[in-house]
């Protein structure tokens, strides 16, 4: 065990970003003699549960900023880690690892934290490549500083589902008087803000028309239940389960779907990792940087002069969404549904 290299990965704070860190974990898993511990917040730690290459998972207690820093320091210090990849770009996430005394600490040199890192990557140009590649470059930088060989051949691990969560998701469908089986999950919300959310009026029309073909399950957080209600209430063939599932149960719900339709949020990344066909609608953000990684991912985007702007609030009239019609999203969804049914028939 003395020859084991112990690496800490500080997980991103966003759900989709956490899924996009899975290639990095596959990269580490391909190395001999490396033991990986993932440290993350409760909101995203479920992504890493049971994932190949994750030897230990540490969930940080919910607290204020200072509590998180000190808690991270206290949990990481006993690991005697050789190196760490700090994926969140915040000052506080790097400070905890600095105080824990991790020998080699790599991350992006943002938020005035460069002095807390032993090696850093500049922030310029990061959005010109996929976020998963940003993370992989950090992993290669860590290996370089630790004197480890990089193996460019590796398998990307997938998000896992578990029997108890699948049973709970099935019960949720039954409770809503919907048969588990052929259904599409539609997630109309996005935590980041309105510039990442296709207008709810368009979602309402999409759901109304889509429900004529297949059962539609609306998903999201408890805070998005009202949005989902306004999108689907009064429409036959629509079930609103927003806020009624844990994250694990929501993942199981996605895993059982024929397809998933969502904004650029965590849900399409989870679904793509599970191998579920995805239709993802982009507005203010860039698919070059954060498109879901999967075999059947259809990106819907309107190229306008101001997109991507990466703003939370639009100063004008959300031009990036005006040209994305319901018909366009509906056609893409029906196409992936057709392929899904054909694939099932072949199996």
Protein backbone atom coordinates (compact mmCIF):
# COMPACT_ATOMS: atom_id res chain seq x y z
CA UNK A 1 0.00 0.00 0.00
CA UNK A 2 2.99 2.32 0.50
CA UNK A 3 3.33 2.63 -3.30
CA UNK A 4 -0.27 3.74 -3.73
CA UNK A 5 -0.73 7.27 -5.05
CA UNK A 6 -3.66 8.93 -3.28
CA UNK A 7 -5.55 11.53 -5.29
CA UNK A 8 -8.40 13.76 -4.15
CA UNK A 9 -10.91 15.09 -6.68
CA UNK A 10 -12.93 18.06 -5.43
CA UNK A 11 -16.23 17.69 -7.28
CA UNK A 12 -17.95 20.57 -9.09
CA UNK A 13 -20.87 22.34 -7.45
CA UNK A 14 -23.21 21.86 -10.42
CA UNK A 15 -24.91 18.59 -11.34
CA UNK A 16 -24.13 18.67 -15.05
CA UNK A 17 -20.51 19.62 -14.41
CA UNK A 18 -20.20 16.64 -12.07
CA UNK A 19 -21.35 14.29 -14.84
CA UNK A 20 -18.83 15.91 -17.19
CA UNK A 21 -16.07 15.07 -14.69
CA UNK A 22 -16.61 11.32 -15.20
CA UNK A 23 -14.07 11.10 -18.09
CA UNK A 24 -11.46 12.45 -15.65
CA UNK A 25 -12.29 9.63 -13.22
CA UNK A 26 -11.98 7.12 -16.07
CA UNK A 27 -8.57 8.59 -16.84
CA UNK A 28 -7.47 8.09 -13.23
CA UNK A 29 -8.96 4.58 -13.09
CA UNK A 30 -6.77 3.52 -16.03
CA UNK A 31 -3.62 4.28 -14.03
CA UNK A 32 -2.05 1.54 -11.94
CA UNK A 33 -1.63 2.17 -8.23
CA UNK A 34 -3.88 5.24 -8.00
CA UNK A 35 -6.56 5.53 -5.31
CA UNK A 36 -9.15 8.24 -5.89
CA UNK A 37 -11.27 9.95 -3.26
CA UNK A 38 -14.04 12.28 -4.44
CA UNK A 39 -15.02 15.11 -2.10
CA UNK A 40 -18.28 16.84 -2.89
CA UNK A 41 -21.38 18.58 -1.66
CA UNK A 42 -24.59 16.68 -0.99
CA UNK A 43 -26.29 18.09 -4.11
CA UNK A 44 -23.82 16.45 -6.49
CA UNK A 45 -22.23 13.56 -4.57
CA UNK A 46 -24.91 11.08 -5.74
CA UNK A 47 -23.41 11.29 -9.25
CA UNK A 48 -20.27 9.51 -8.01
CA UNK A 49 -21.92 6.76 -5.98
CA UNK A 50 -20.73 3.37 -7.22
CA UNK A 51 -18.88 4.91 -10.17
CA UNK A 52 -15.94 2.86 -11.45
CA UNK A 53 -12.66 4.35 -10.29
CA UNK A 54 -14.05 6.08 -7.19
CA UNK A 55 -12.55 4.32 -4.18
CA UNK A 56 -13.93 6.66 -1.51
CA UNK A 57 -16.67 9.29 -1.50
CA UNK A 58 -16.72 12.05 1.11
CA UNK A 59 -19.87 14.17 1.37
CA UNK A 60 -19.37 17.60 2.92
CA UNK A 61 -21.84 18.68 5.59
CA UNK A 62 -24.10 21.58 4.71
CA UNK A 63 -22.81 24.75 6.36
CA UNK A 64 -21.67 28.27 5.62
CA UNK A 65 -18.62 29.07 3.55
CA UNK A 66 -16.18 29.02 6.48
CA UNK A 67 -17.71 25.80 7.78
CA UNK A 68 -17.29 24.14 4.39
CA UNK A 69 -13.64 25.22 4.16
CA UNK A 70 -12.78 23.96 7.62
CA UNK A 71 -14.84 20.80 7.16
CA UNK A 72 -13.08 20.04 3.89
CA UNK A 73 -9.71 20.59 5.54
CA UNK A 74 -10.59 18.24 8.42
CA UNK A 75 -11.86 15.46 6.16
CA UNK A 76 -9.02 15.60 3.62
CA UNK A 77 -6.03 16.02 5.94
CA UNK A 78 -6.18 12.42 7.37
CA UNK A 79 -6.04 11.00 3.82
CA UNK A 80 -2.39 12.13 3.43
CA UNK A 81 -3.15 12.68 -0.26
CA UNK A 82 -0.31 13.04 -2.74
CA UNK A 83 -2.27 15.27 -5.07
CA UNK A 84 -5.61 16.92 -5.73
CA UNK A 85 -7.59 18.18 -8.70
CA UNK A 86 -9.81 21.06 -7.63
CA UNK A 87 -12.59 21.27 -10.21
CA UNK A 88 -14.71 24.15 -8.82
CA UNK A 89 -13.18 27.51 -9.80
CA UNK A 90 -13.81 29.12 -6.40
CA UNK A 91 -11.26 30.45 -3.91
CA UNK A 92 -12.83 28.52 -1.01
CA UNK A 93 -12.56 25.13 -2.72
CA UNK A 94 -8.80 25.62 -3.15
CA UNK A 95 -8.30 27.00 0.36
CA UNK A 96 -9.60 23.83 2.02
CA UNK A 97 -7.05 21.67 0.18
CA UNK A 98 -4.26 24.16 0.90
CA UNK A 99 -5.03 24.00 4.62
CA UNK A 100 -5.21 20.20 4.45
CA UNK A 101 -1.59 20.15 3.32
CA UNK A 102 -2.09 18.22 0.08
CA UNK A 103 1.33 18.23 -1.58
CA UNK A 104 0.33 18.88 -5.21
CA UNK A 105 -2.82 20.92 -5.92
CA UNK A 106 -3.98 21.73 -9.45
CA UNK A 107 -6.89 23.76 -10.70
CA UNK A 108 -7.88 26.65 -12.94
CA UNK A 109 -6.19 29.89 -11.87
CA UNK A 110 -9.36 31.90 -11.22
CA UNK A 111 -10.86 33.84 -8.30
CA UNK A 112 -7.45 35.12 -7.10
CA UNK A 113 -6.50 31.66 -5.90
CA UNK A 114 -3.39 30.94 -7.96
CA UNK A 115 -1.13 31.17 -4.87
CA UNK A 116 -3.15 28.33 -3.27
CA UNK A 117 -2.27 26.00 -6.16
CA UNK A 118 1.05 24.35 -6.91
CA UNK A 119 0.16 24.20 -10.61
CA UNK A 120 -2.64 25.93 -12.48
CA UNK A 121 -4.26 26.23 -15.87
CA UNK A 122 -5.19 29.65 -17.24
CA UNK A 123 -8.88 30.44 -17.64
CA UNK A 124 -8.45 31.92 -21.13
CA UNK A 125 -9.93 29.82 -23.92
CA UNK A 126 -11.48 27.18 -21.65
CA UNK A 127 -14.91 27.58 -23.26
CA UNK A 128 -13.43 26.82 -26.67
CA UNK A 129 -13.22 23.12 -25.77
CA UNK A 130 -15.57 20.78 -23.93
CA UNK A 131 -15.62 21.07 -20.14
CA UNK A 132 -14.74 17.39 -19.84
CA UNK A 133 -11.54 18.15 -21.76
CA UNK A 134 -10.81 21.05 -19.38
CA UNK A 135 -11.01 18.55 -16.54
CA UNK A 136 -8.85 16.00 -18.34
CA UNK A 137 -6.16 18.60 -18.91
CA UNK A 138 -6.11 19.24 -15.17
CA UNK A 139 -5.73 15.49 -14.60
CA UNK A 140 -2.81 15.31 -17.02
CA UNK A 141 -1.22 18.31 -15.31
CA UNK A 142 -1.50 16.57 -11.95
CA UNK A 143 0.07 13.38 -13.35
CA UNK A 144 2.89 15.43 -14.83
CA UNK A 145 3.62 17.06 -11.46
CA UNK A 146 3.43 13.71 -9.67
CA UNK A 147 5.70 12.03 -12.22
CA UNK A 148 3.02 9.57 -13.32
CA UNK A 149 2.53 8.16 -16.80
CA UNK A 150 -0.57 9.26 -18.68
CA UNK A 151 -2.59 6.49 -20.31
CA UNK A 152 -4.68 8.02 -23.07
CA UNK A 153 -6.77 4.86 -23.44
CA UNK A 154 -9.52 4.72 -20.86
CA UNK A 155 -13.23 4.00 -20.47
CA UNK A 156 -15.62 6.75 -19.42
CA UNK A 157 -17.64 5.49 -16.43
CA UNK A 158 -21.40 5.95 -16.32
CA UNK A 159 -23.75 7.20 -13.65
CA UNK A 160 -25.17 4.20 -11.78
CA UNK A 161 -28.72 3.30 -10.78
CA UNK A 162 -29.65 1.10 -7.84
CA UNK A 163 -32.52 -1.32 -7.19
CA UNK A 164 -34.05 0.60 -4.28
CA UNK A 165 -34.14 3.82 -6.32
CA UNK A 166 -35.62 2.05 -9.33
CA UNK A 167 -38.35 0.57 -7.14
CA UNK A 168 -39.11 3.97 -5.64
CA UNK A 169 -39.29 5.58 -9.09
CA UNK A 170 -41.71 2.88 -10.24
CA UNK A 171 -43.86 3.47 -7.15
CA UNK A 172 -43.88 7.17 -7.96
CA UNK A 173 -45.28 6.45 -11.41
CA UNK A 174 -47.88 4.06 -9.99
CA UNK A 175 -48.89 6.60 -7.35
CA UNK A 176 -49.50 9.07 -10.13
CA UNK A 177 -51.63 6.43 -11.86
CA UNK A 178 -49.18 6.12 -14.69
CA UNK A 179 -47.85 2.82 -15.95
CA UNK A 180 -44.09 2.39 -15.81
CA UNK A 181 -42.79 1.69 -19.28
CA UNK A 182 -42.98 3.90 -22.35
CA UNK A 183 -42.66 7.51 -21.27
CA UNK A 184 -40.69 10.66 -22.02
CA UNK A 185 -39.25 12.85 -19.27
CA UNK A 186 -39.48 16.61 -19.83
CA UNK A 187 -37.53 18.91 -17.49
CA UNK A 188 -38.53 22.55 -18.17
CA UNK A 189 -36.46 24.17 -15.40
CA UNK A 190 -32.83 25.21 -14.99
CA UNK A 191 -31.19 26.34 -11.76
CA UNK A 192 -28.83 28.82 -13.42
CA UNK A 193 -31.51 31.29 -14.49
CA UNK A 194 -33.99 32.31 -17.21
CA UNK A 195 -31.35 32.52 -19.95
CA UNK A 196 -31.01 28.73 -19.73
CA UNK A 197 -34.77 28.08 -19.81
CA UNK A 198 -36.78 27.76 -23.00
CA UNK A 199 -40.05 29.71 -22.36
CA UNK A 200 -42.66 27.81 -20.36
CA UNK A 201 -45.36 28.66 -22.93
CA UNK A 202 -43.39 26.70 -25.52
CA UNK A 203 -42.90 23.82 -23.10
CA UNK A 204 -46.66 23.79 -22.48
CA UNK A 205 -47.38 23.47 -26.19
CA UNK A 206 -44.67 20.82 -26.59
CA UNK A 207 -46.07 18.75 -23.73
CA UNK A 208 -49.64 19.08 -24.99
CA UNK A 209 -48.70 17.79 -28.44
CA UNK A 210 -46.18 15.19 -27.28
CA UNK A 211 -48.66 13.69 -24.80
CA UNK A 212 -50.81 12.57 -27.75
CA UNK A 213 -48.03 10.17 -28.71
CA UNK A 214 -46.58 9.02 -25.39
CA UNK A 215 -46.89 9.49 -21.62
CA UNK A 216 -45.03 12.65 -20.53
CA UNK A 217 -43.44 12.78 -17.07
CA UNK A 218 -42.45 16.24 -15.85
CA UNK A 219 -39.41 16.26 -13.59
CA UNK A 220 -37.41 18.70 -11.54
CA UNK A 221 -36.73 19.94 -8.04
CA UNK A 222 -39.29 20.93 -5.41
CA UNK A 223 -38.69 24.55 -6.37
CA UNK A 224 -39.65 23.74 -9.96
CA UNK A 225 -42.93 21.99 -9.13
CA UNK A 226 -44.92 25.18 -9.74
CA UNK A 227 -43.30 25.63 -13.14
CA UNK A 228 -44.07 22.01 -14.04
CA UNK A 229 -47.67 22.48 -12.89
CA UNK A 230 -48.12 25.51 -15.14
CA UNK A 231 -46.61 23.54 -18.03
CA UNK A 232 -48.68 20.37 -17.68
CA UNK A 233 -51.77 20.91 -15.57
CA UNK A 234 -55.01 19.91 -17.23
CA UNK A 235 -53.30 17.97 -20.01
CA UNK A 236 -54.24 14.29 -20.25
CA UNK A 237 -51.26 11.97 -20.43
CA UNK A 238 -48.99 14.22 -18.35
CA UNK A 239 -47.65 13.35 -14.88
CA UNK A 240 -45.89 15.90 -12.66
CA UNK A 241 -43.29 14.28 -10.39
CA UNK A 242 -41.19 17.41 -9.79
CA UNK A 243 -40.11 17.57 -6.16
CA UNK A 244 -41.40 14.07 -5.42
CA UNK A 245 -38.17 12.16 -5.99
CA UNK A 246 -34.72 12.10 -4.47
CA UNK A 247 -31.87 12.70 -6.90
CA UNK A 248 -31.25 8.95 -7.03
CA UNK A 249 -34.91 8.26 -7.79
CA UNK A 250 -34.86 10.98 -10.45
CA UNK A 251 -31.84 9.30 -12.02
CA UNK A 252 -33.75 5.99 -12.04
CA UNK A 253 -36.72 7.78 -13.63
CA UNK A 254 -34.46 9.11 -16.38
CA UNK A 255 -32.91 5.67 -16.89
CA UNK A 256 -36.33 4.16 -17.63
CA UNK A 257 -37.38 6.84 -20.12
CA UNK A 258 -37.58 6.47 -23.88
CA UNK A 259 -36.15 10.00 -24.22
CA UNK A 260 -35.47 13.16 -22.22
CA UNK A 261 -36.17 16.75 -23.27
CA UNK A 262 -34.56 19.52 -21.22
CA UNK A 263 -32.68 22.79 -21.13
CA UNK A 264 -28.90 22.88 -20.74
CA UNK A 265 -29.07 21.65 -17.15
CA UNK A 266 -28.09 18.61 -15.09
CA UNK A 267 -30.87 16.35 -16.34
CA UNK A 268 -29.69 15.85 -19.96
CA UNK A 269 -26.16 15.10 -18.75
CA UNK A 270 -27.46 12.42 -16.39
CA UNK A 271 -29.66 10.94 -19.11
CA UNK A 272 -26.88 10.89 -21.70
CA UNK A 273 -24.56 9.14 -19.23
CA UNK A 274 -27.27 6.52 -18.71
CA UNK A 275 -27.52 5.94 -22.47
CA UNK A 276 -30.94 7.56 -22.81
CA UNK A 277 -31.60 9.64 -25.97
CA UNK A 278 -31.58 13.37 -25.21
CA UNK A 279 -32.96 16.50 -26.84
CA UNK A 280 -31.30 19.50 -25.17
CA UNK A 281 -32.24 23.12 -25.79
CA UNK A 282 -29.44 25.71 -25.59
CA UNK A 283 -29.85 29.46 -25.12
CA UNK A 284 -27.18 31.59 -23.47
CA UNK A 285 -24.60 28.81 -23.13
CA UNK A 286 -22.41 26.96 -25.60
CA UNK A 287 -22.83 23.32 -26.70
CA UNK A 288 -19.14 23.35 -27.62
CA UNK A 289 -18.42 23.67 -23.90
CA UNK A 290 -21.26 21.84 -22.15
CA UNK A 291 -23.16 19.59 -24.57
CA UNK A 292 -24.08 16.25 -22.93
CA UNK A 293 -21.75 13.37 -23.78
CA UNK A 294 -23.74 10.47 -25.21
CA UNK A 295 -24.47 8.35 -28.25
CA UNK A 296 -27.84 9.96 -29.01
CA UNK A 297 -27.76 13.66 -28.14
CA UNK A 298 -29.58 16.22 -30.27
CA UNK A 299 -28.74 19.85 -29.60
CA UNK A 300 -31.35 22.47 -30.46
CA UNK A 301 -29.87 25.95 -30.75
CA UNK A 302 -30.56 29.16 -32.63
CA UNK A 303 -27.35 30.89 -33.76
CA UNK A 304 -27.85 34.58 -32.94
CA UNK A 305 -25.20 37.31 -32.71
CA UNK A 306 -25.25 37.55 -28.90
CA UNK A 307 -25.10 33.85 -28.08
CA UNK A 308 -23.36 32.40 -26.20
CA UNK A 309 -23.30 35.21 -23.63
CA UNK A 310 -23.26 33.05 -20.47
CA UNK A 311 -25.41 35.61 -18.62
CA UNK A 312 -28.00 34.69 -16.00
CA UNK A 313 -30.35 37.48 -17.10
CA UNK A 314 -30.97 38.60 -20.68
CA UNK A 315 -30.71 42.39 -21.23
CA UNK A 316 -32.96 42.20 -24.30
CA UNK A 317 -35.61 39.67 -25.35
CA UNK A 318 -34.03 36.18 -25.23
CA UNK A 319 -33.40 36.21 -28.98
CA UNK A 320 -31.57 32.89 -28.59
CA UNK A 321 -34.91 31.20 -27.90
CA UNK A 322 -37.20 33.10 -30.26
CA UNK A 323 -36.20 31.04 -33.28
CA UNK A 324 -36.54 27.67 -31.54
CA UNK A 325 -40.06 26.60 -32.39
CA UNK A 326 -42.16 23.94 -30.72
CA UNK A 327 -42.32 22.12 -34.04
CA UNK A 328 -38.54 21.93 -34.19
CA UNK A 329 -38.20 20.41 -30.70
CA UNK A 330 -41.17 18.11 -31.28
CA UNK A 331 -39.70 16.77 -34.53
CA UNK A 332 -36.36 16.08 -32.83
CA UNK A 333 -38.08 14.30 -29.95
CA UNK A 334 -40.21 12.16 -32.24
CA UNK A 335 -37.12 11.22 -34.22
CA UNK A 336 -35.19 10.00 -31.15
CA UNK A 337 -38.33 8.20 -29.94
CA UNK A 338 -38.60 6.39 -33.26
CA UNK A 339 -34.96 5.34 -33.08
CA UNK A 340 -35.41 4.20 -29.47
CA UNK A 341 -38.38 2.02 -30.39
CA UNK A 342 -36.55 0.57 -33.39
CA UNK A 343 -33.53 -0.19 -31.21
CA UNK A 344 -35.75 -1.92 -28.65
CA UNK A 345 -37.27 -4.01 -31.41
CA UNK A 346 -33.84 -5.14 -32.55
CA UNK A 347 -32.98 -6.18 -29.00
